[in-house]
């Protein structure tokens, strides 16, 4: 895929086509194939953890884990476009990189809002690949309504005592820290009484139980029972959790499931050619529509990245990218699996596909994409409020 952007800002057209970024994305994918190998990538994929410690360290040795960070914090000072090329290269190379992504953007938050202690204690461990961070937002009773969090933290001296439950904490069984949202004042408006913490997951009182999803991914339910953490592990101001969380979500919700659409396209085209269905007008129409939505997803992703690079307000473009690609993935996986039948459980794709049955696997994976990083309903509200200037729709 060629990186090509055409944007309009202040009446000017900006065209972008960079061979170096395309080459870098290909280099990352080839690195995985050469130094990890297809069989190992398949094992990692089927394991469903979204992370592998050895692959993560290999990437860290290349300097890529902290690539988007400033050089002052051990990074390479990548532009937003370079960071995008890296992420796409990982996915096309067959590596899920879920904890890599969460660790990188929490690292960004620490750089902006963390203390000197956090920067000295946590950032080097992240950059070296020795530590990763998972996200402790979702709870059993609140889902994407993170402001309704009930996990509580009570200050006793210079320590916080944390009690509660977090749900769907992907990677908690592998991470060193969790980026935890807790209620520190129950007597004020729900969005004012929250505080963010970085909690070491080896702290006594934490229990991690596995939760398997329909797509064979492993997530976790994490229980906090009298967990005591020093106040130095607080991120940002007391009761300032919404501000910290907003910065994190701004990064997380600018994602895309473009590479999954590409993988479905590759598998669908392989099936159509192998089964002599390539001339069937229904099949051709379905694949053509999928190809168009891949192009739209690419442009939406690049638009959000361009805005970050240019310092232009996001105005809902990040949520648009994630919303559109996830909902189109649900639509296209259903259509293509209907057309392919049992072949959908056998045919492989080529963009980061490991193993067979890509259409069937993506069909199971797709529903979760409308939840990761905020549900479609939450994202539509953000687009309406920040992009269209409509009244706030949530309490």
Foldseek 3Di string as FASTA:
>chain_A
DWDWAWDADPRDTDIDTDPVLVVLLQVLLVCCCVVVNQVNLLVQVLQQQLDDLVVLQVCLVVQNLQQCPDVVLSHVVDALSSNVSNVLSCQLSQRSNPQSLLQNLVLVLCVVFADPCCSVPPSVCRSNSNFTEWEFQAAPPQAQVSLPDAFAWEDDPQKTWTFDKGPQGRNLVPGQWYFHKHFHDPPDRSLQRIWTFTGGSVFPQKDWDWDAALLRHIGTMIGGDRGMDGNSRTTHDHSPHNVSVVSSLLSQLLDAPLLLLQFLLQQLVVLCVVVVVCPPPVSVVLSVVSVVLSVVLSNLSVVQSVCVSVVHDNLLSSNVSLLSRLVVLLVSLVVSCVVRPPQLQATGGNRSTRHGNSSVSSNRVRVCSCRPSHHSVVSVQSNCCRNVVDDRDDD
